[in-house]
Amino acid sequence: MADEAVGPARRFLGAALAACVLLLAAGCATEAKRAEQKGNVDYHYSLGMAALEDNNLQGALVEFRAARKLDRDDPKVLFALGHTAFRLEDYAGAEQAMLGVLKIKPDDGDAINYLGNIYEQQGRLDEAVAQFKKAIAAPTYATPNFAYRNLARVYLTQGRTADAETALAAAIRRVPEYYPARADLAKIYMDTQRWSQAVEAWRALLDLIPDLEDAHYYLAESYVGLGDTDNARRELTTFLATVGAEHPLAKDARNLLKKLGGTP
């Protein structure tokens, strides 16, 4: 009787164990398939990034689309698709891709900032301003100085010079060595004929980055605005000594130096 009871139990346990083995094998196969799929996504993504490095935008688009077919919700692939579409001036496609990123990662400051750039290119300036402000406020966004500078650019387009200055000053406070914001602010001073502030801004920028060639030219123009001919000639001479004849500002620098009585 005991043998009759043990036999079926053993057969049941054996069957159950076999079923578990099959399930485990199926699970391992599923995991292997997922790993293979993920590897293929990364493979196509890497090829797309390499194509971007070579400025092969169409080739990049093909690879990123292939990656997305394998995983429609990979945020890095969606971001890359959006970036490539933007460079191809497909702003509707770029917007769709960035909105896809934000559906997955609502606080992704890079995608929010990029969306602002897309709206700016479409002439949707108020929407661009809203996105740049949202990016600045995103808690995990590592480079809000970029969004501040973008915000300033749109403000200037809208004729809001004072707001642009405030945004650029905020960018500089966040990252003092962020020289594009410093240059933008110095140019605002020049455009509004605040020559003393312009001179101070360009000199501070050259203290920060001594080999920033164009700053010497703009500093010279600022000195001209102040009526300081000697320092203007000095900066123009320095500029022309460090740039080639094909530099976009070289001709203007030579003409200005000649006008000031210097020798080009």
Protein backbone atom coordinates (compact mmCIF):
# COMPACT_ATOMS: atom_id res chain seq x y z
CA MET A 1 0.00 0.00 0.00
CA ALA A 2 2.86 2.30 0.85
CA ASP A 3 4.48 1.54 -2.49
CA GLU A 4 1.16 2.31 -4.26
CA ALA A 5 1.04 5.73 -2.55
CA VAL A 6 4.72 6.58 -3.12
CA GLY A 7 4.68 5.62 -6.80
CA PRO A 8 2.05 8.16 -7.94
CA ALA A 9 3.59 10.82 -5.71
CA ARG A 10 6.98 10.25 -7.25
CA ARG A 11 5.45 10.34 -10.71
CA PHE A 12 3.65 13.64 -9.82
CA LEU A 13 6.79 15.19 -8.38
CA GLY A 14 8.78 14.04 -11.39
CA ALA A 15 6.23 15.55 -13.75
CA ALA A 16 6.15 18.78 -11.75
CA LEU A 17 9.94 18.94 -11.75
CA ALA A 18 10.00 18.38 -15.49
CA ALA A 19 7.44 21.16 -15.94
CA CYS A 20 9.55 23.52 -13.82
CA VAL A 21 12.62 22.68 -15.87
CA LEU A 22 10.69 23.44 -19.06
CA LEU A 23 9.43 26.73 -17.62
CA LEU A 24 12.92 27.68 -16.48
CA ALA A 25 14.30 26.86 -19.91
CA ALA A 26 11.56 28.92 -21.53
CA GLY A 27 12.33 31.78 -19.15
CA CYS A 28 16.02 31.54 -19.96
CA ALA A 29 15.20 31.52 -23.66
CA THR A 30 13.04 34.62 -23.21
CA GLU A 31 15.80 36.38 -21.30
CA ALA A 32 18.31 35.36 -23.95
CA LYS A 33 16.01 36.70 -26.64
CA ARG A 34 15.62 39.96 -24.73
CA ALA A 35 19.38 40.24 -24.31
CA GLU A 36 19.87 39.57 -28.01
CA GLN A 37 17.23 42.17 -28.88
CA LYS A 38 18.84 44.71 -26.56
CA GLY A 39 22.20 43.97 -28.14
CA ASN A 40 20.75 44.59 -31.57
CA VAL A 41 19.22 47.89 -30.41
CA ASP A 42 22.60 49.02 -29.07
CA TYR A 43 24.29 47.80 -32.25
CA HIS A 44 22.06 49.88 -34.53
CA TYR A 45 22.26 52.82 -32.12
CA SER A 46 26.07 52.69 -32.19
CA LEU A 47 26.07 52.58 -35.99
CA GLY A 48 23.72 55.56 -36.03
CA MET A 49 25.97 57.55 -33.70
CA ALA A 50 28.98 56.73 -35.87
CA ALA A 51 27.07 57.95 -38.93
CA LEU A 52 26.29 61.19 -37.10
CA GLU A 53 29.99 61.64 -36.37
CA ASP A 54 30.61 61.37 -40.13
CA ASN A 55 27.77 63.82 -40.80
CA ASN A 56 25.90 61.05 -42.63
CA LEU A 57 22.45 62.10 -41.45
CA GLN A 58 20.48 59.80 -43.71
CA GLY A 59 22.56 56.80 -42.68
CA ALA A 60 22.07 57.73 -39.03
CA LEU A 61 18.32 57.96 -39.55
CA VAL A 62 18.23 54.47 -41.07
CA GLU A 63 20.09 52.97 -38.10
CA PHE A 64 18.06 54.76 -35.45
CA ARG A 65 14.82 53.67 -37.12
CA ALA A 66 16.10 50.09 -37.17
CA ALA A 67 16.87 50.35 -33.45
CA ARG A 68 13.41 51.70 -32.74
CA LYS A 69 11.74 48.82 -34.56
CA LEU A 70 13.36 46.55 -31.98
CA ASP A 71 12.44 48.73 -28.99
CA ARG A 72 9.95 51.55 -29.45
CA ASP A 73 10.47 52.88 -25.92
CA ASP A 74 14.23 53.29 -25.67
CA PRO A 75 14.64 56.98 -24.76
CA LYS A 76 18.19 57.30 -26.07
CA VAL A 77 17.07 56.03 -29.48
CA LEU A 78 14.11 58.42 -29.53
CA PHE A 79 16.38 61.32 -28.57
CA ALA A 80 18.83 60.41 -31.33
CA LEU A 81 15.98 60.19 -33.83
CA GLY A 82 14.78 63.63 -32.76
CA HIS A 83 18.26 65.13 -33.02
CA THR A 84 18.78 63.67 -36.49
CA ALA A 85 15.37 64.86 -37.69
CA PHE A 86 16.16 68.33 -36.35
CA ARG A 87 19.40 68.47 -38.29
CA LEU A 88 17.49 67.36 -41.40
CA GLU A 89 15.07 70.24 -40.72
CA ASP A 90 12.22 67.80 -40.17
CA TYR A 91 10.91 69.73 -37.20
CA ALA A 92 7.62 67.85 -36.99
CA GLY A 93 9.51 64.54 -36.79
CA ALA A 94 11.93 65.98 -34.24
CA GLU A 95 9.04 67.21 -32.09
CA GLN A 96 7.32 63.82 -32.20
CA ALA A 97 10.52 62.04 -31.13
CA MET A 98 11.23 64.41 -28.23
CA LEU A 99 7.65 64.15 -27.02
CA GLY A 100 8.20 60.38 -27.10
CA VAL A 101 11.22 60.76 -24.83
CA LEU A 102 9.21 62.93 -22.44
CA LYS A 103 6.39 60.42 -22.32
CA ILE A 104 8.91 57.94 -20.90
CA LYS A 105 11.01 60.43 -18.89
CA PRO A 106 8.85 63.51 -18.13
CA ASP A 107 11.66 65.38 -16.33
CA ASP A 108 14.35 64.85 -18.97
CA GLY A 109 15.83 68.35 -19.12
CA ASP A 110 17.82 67.66 -22.28
CA ALA A 111 14.68 66.63 -24.18
CA ILE A 112 12.69 69.57 -22.78
CA ASN A 113 15.45 71.99 -23.81
CA TYR A 114 15.63 70.39 -27.26
CA LEU A 115 11.87 70.73 -27.64
CA GLY A 116 12.32 74.45 -26.99
CA ASN A 117 14.87 74.60 -29.82
CA ILE A 118 12.42 72.85 -32.12
CA TYR A 119 9.65 75.30 -31.30
CA GLU A 120 12.03 78.21 -31.83
CA GLN A 121 12.88 76.97 -35.31
CA GLN A 122 9.18 76.72 -36.08
CA GLY A 123 8.60 80.30 -34.94
CA ARG A 124 6.60 79.15 -31.92
CA LEU A 125 8.47 81.52 -29.65
CA ASP A 126 6.13 81.60 -26.65
CA GLU A 127 6.11 77.81 -26.57
CA ALA A 128 9.91 77.82 -26.84
CA VAL A 129 10.17 80.17 -23.87
CA ALA A 130 7.90 77.90 -21.83
CA GLN A 131 10.03 74.84 -22.62
CA PHE A 132 13.33 76.54 -21.80
CA LYS A 133 11.92 77.68 -18.46
CA LYS A 134 10.67 74.16 -17.82
CA ALA A 135 14.11 72.73 -18.61
CA ILE A 136 15.76 75.17 -16.21
CA ALA A 137 13.41 74.00 -13.47
CA ALA A 138 13.88 70.27 -14.18
CA PRO A 139 15.47 68.80 -11.03
CA THR A 140 17.79 66.36 -12.83
CA TYR A 141 18.89 68.67 -15.67
CA ALA A 142 22.67 68.96 -15.41
CA THR A 143 23.22 71.89 -17.81
CA PRO A 144 20.57 74.58 -17.21
CA ASN A 145 23.09 77.16 -18.45
CA PHE A 146 22.31 75.92 -21.99
CA ALA A 147 18.60 76.53 -21.49
CA TYR A 148 19.26 79.98 -20.02
CA ARG A 149 21.26 80.95 -23.11
CA ASN A 150 18.58 79.56 -25.42
CA LEU A 151 15.96 81.50 -23.48
CA ALA A 152 18.01 84.69 -23.89
CA ARG A 153 18.23 84.15 -27.65
CA VAL A 154 14.45 83.91 -27.96
CA TYR A 155 13.98 86.94 -25.72
CA LEU A 156 16.23 88.94 -28.07
CA THR A 157 14.15 87.81 -31.03
CA GLN A 158 11.10 89.06 -29.18
CA GLY A 159 12.79 92.39 -28.43
CA ARG A 160 13.01 91.64 -24.70
CA THR A 161 16.61 92.79 -24.19
CA ALA A 162 16.42 93.22 -20.42
CA ASP A 163 15.01 89.70 -19.99
CA ALA A 164 17.77 88.35 -22.24
CA GLU A 165 20.40 90.01 -20.06
CA THR A 166 18.86 88.49 -16.95
CA ALA A 167 18.87 85.02 -18.50
CA LEU A 168 22.50 85.31 -19.63
CA ALA A 169 23.57 86.59 -16.21
CA ALA A 170 21.88 83.54 -14.67
CA ALA A 171 23.73 81.22 -17.06
CA ILE A 172 27.04 82.82 -16.08
CA ARG A 173 26.24 82.53 -12.36
CA ARG A 174 25.56 78.82 -12.83
CA VAL A 175 28.71 78.20 -14.88
CA PRO A 176 31.16 81.14 -14.73
CA GLU A 177 33.39 79.60 -17.43
CA TYR A 178 30.50 79.27 -19.89
CA TYR A 179 32.00 81.68 -22.40
CA PRO A 180 29.19 81.66 -25.07
CA ALA A 181 26.85 83.34 -22.55
CA ARG A 182 29.56 85.86 -21.65
CA ALA A 183 30.10 86.67 -25.33
CA ASP A 184 26.36 87.06 -25.93
CA LEU A 185 26.07 89.44 -22.99
CA ALA A 186 29.05 91.49 -24.18
CA LYS A 187 27.45 91.80 -27.63
CA ILE A 188 24.25 93.07 -26.04
CA TYR A 189 26.28 95.78 -24.33
CA MET A 190 27.78 96.68 -27.70
CA ASP A 191 24.41 96.72 -29.46
CA THR A 192 23.04 99.06 -26.80
CA GLN A 193 26.22 101.21 -26.88
CA ARG A 194 27.15 100.53 -23.26
CA TRP A 195 30.80 100.62 -24.16
CA SER A 196 32.31 100.57 -20.68
CA GLN A 197 30.34 97.43 -19.81
CA ALA A 198 31.27 95.90 -23.15
CA VAL A 199 34.98 96.52 -22.56
CA GLU A 200 34.72 95.05 -19.07
CA ALA A 201 32.87 92.00 -20.37
CA TRP A 202 35.32 91.26 -23.19
CA ARG A 203 38.33 91.75 -20.94
CA ALA A 204 36.85 89.39 -18.37
CA LEU A 205 36.27 86.84 -21.12
CA LEU A 206 39.88 87.13 -22.31
CA ASP A 207 41.09 86.72 -18.74
CA LEU A 208 39.11 83.49 -18.68
CA ILE A 209 40.11 82.27 -22.16
CA PRO A 210 43.18 84.20 -23.40
CA ASP A 211 43.27 82.47 -26.80
CA LEU A 212 39.70 83.39 -27.75
CA GLU A 213 40.68 85.24 -30.91
CA ASP A 214 37.39 86.94 -31.83
CA ALA A 215 37.20 88.56 -28.40
CA HIS A 216 40.19 90.76 -29.31
CA TYR A 217 38.32 92.10 -32.34
CA TYR A 218 35.14 92.86 -30.41
CA LEU A 219 37.13 94.37 -27.56
CA ALA A 220 38.77 96.67 -30.12
CA GLU A 221 35.36 97.75 -31.41
CA SER A 222 34.28 98.44 -27.84
CA TYR A 223 37.36 100.58 -27.27
CA VAL A 224 36.47 102.50 -30.45
CA GLY A 225 33.03 103.11 -28.98
CA LEU A 226 34.73 104.54 -25.88
CA GLY A 227 37.01 106.68 -28.01
CA ASP A 228 40.11 104.80 -26.80
CA THR A 229 42.04 104.59 -30.06
CA ASP A 230 45.33 103.33 -28.61
CA ASN A 231 43.81 100.28 -26.95
CA ALA A 232 41.65 99.63 -30.01
CA ARG A 233 44.74 99.54 -32.24
CA ARG A 234 46.52 97.24 -29.79
CA GLU A 235 43.65 94.73 -29.77
CA LEU A 236 43.31 94.81 -33.57
CA THR A 237 47.03 94.21 -33.96
CA THR A 238 46.85 91.28 -31.54
CA PHE A 239 43.85 89.87 -33.39
CA LEU A 240 45.46 90.10 -36.83
CA ALA A 241 48.68 88.55 -35.53
CA THR A 242 46.83 85.44 -34.37
CA VAL A 243 44.36 84.78 -37.22
CA GLY A 244 44.80 83.92 -40.86
CA ALA A 245 43.85 86.14 -43.78
CA GLU A 246 40.78 83.96 -44.41
CA HIS A 247 39.26 84.60 -40.99
CA PRO A 248 35.75 86.08 -41.43
CA LEU A 249 36.65 89.17 -39.37
CA ALA A 250 40.17 89.71 -40.76
CA LYS A 251 39.16 92.09 -43.55
CA ASP A 252 37.06 94.23 -41.19
CA ALA A 253 39.92 94.26 -38.67
CA ARG A 254 42.43 95.45 -41.27
CA ASN A 255 40.08 98.17 -42.49
CA LEU A 256 39.36 99.37 -38.96
CA LEU A 257 43.04 99.38 -38.03
CA LYS A 258 43.85 101.41 -41.13
CA LYS A 259 41.05 103.85 -40.29
CA LEU A 260 42.55 104.28 -36.81
CA GLY A 261 45.95 105.09 -38.24
CA GLY A 262 47.54 101.74 -37.61
CA THR A 263 49.43 99.44 -39.99
CA PRO A 264 47.47 96.33 -41.03
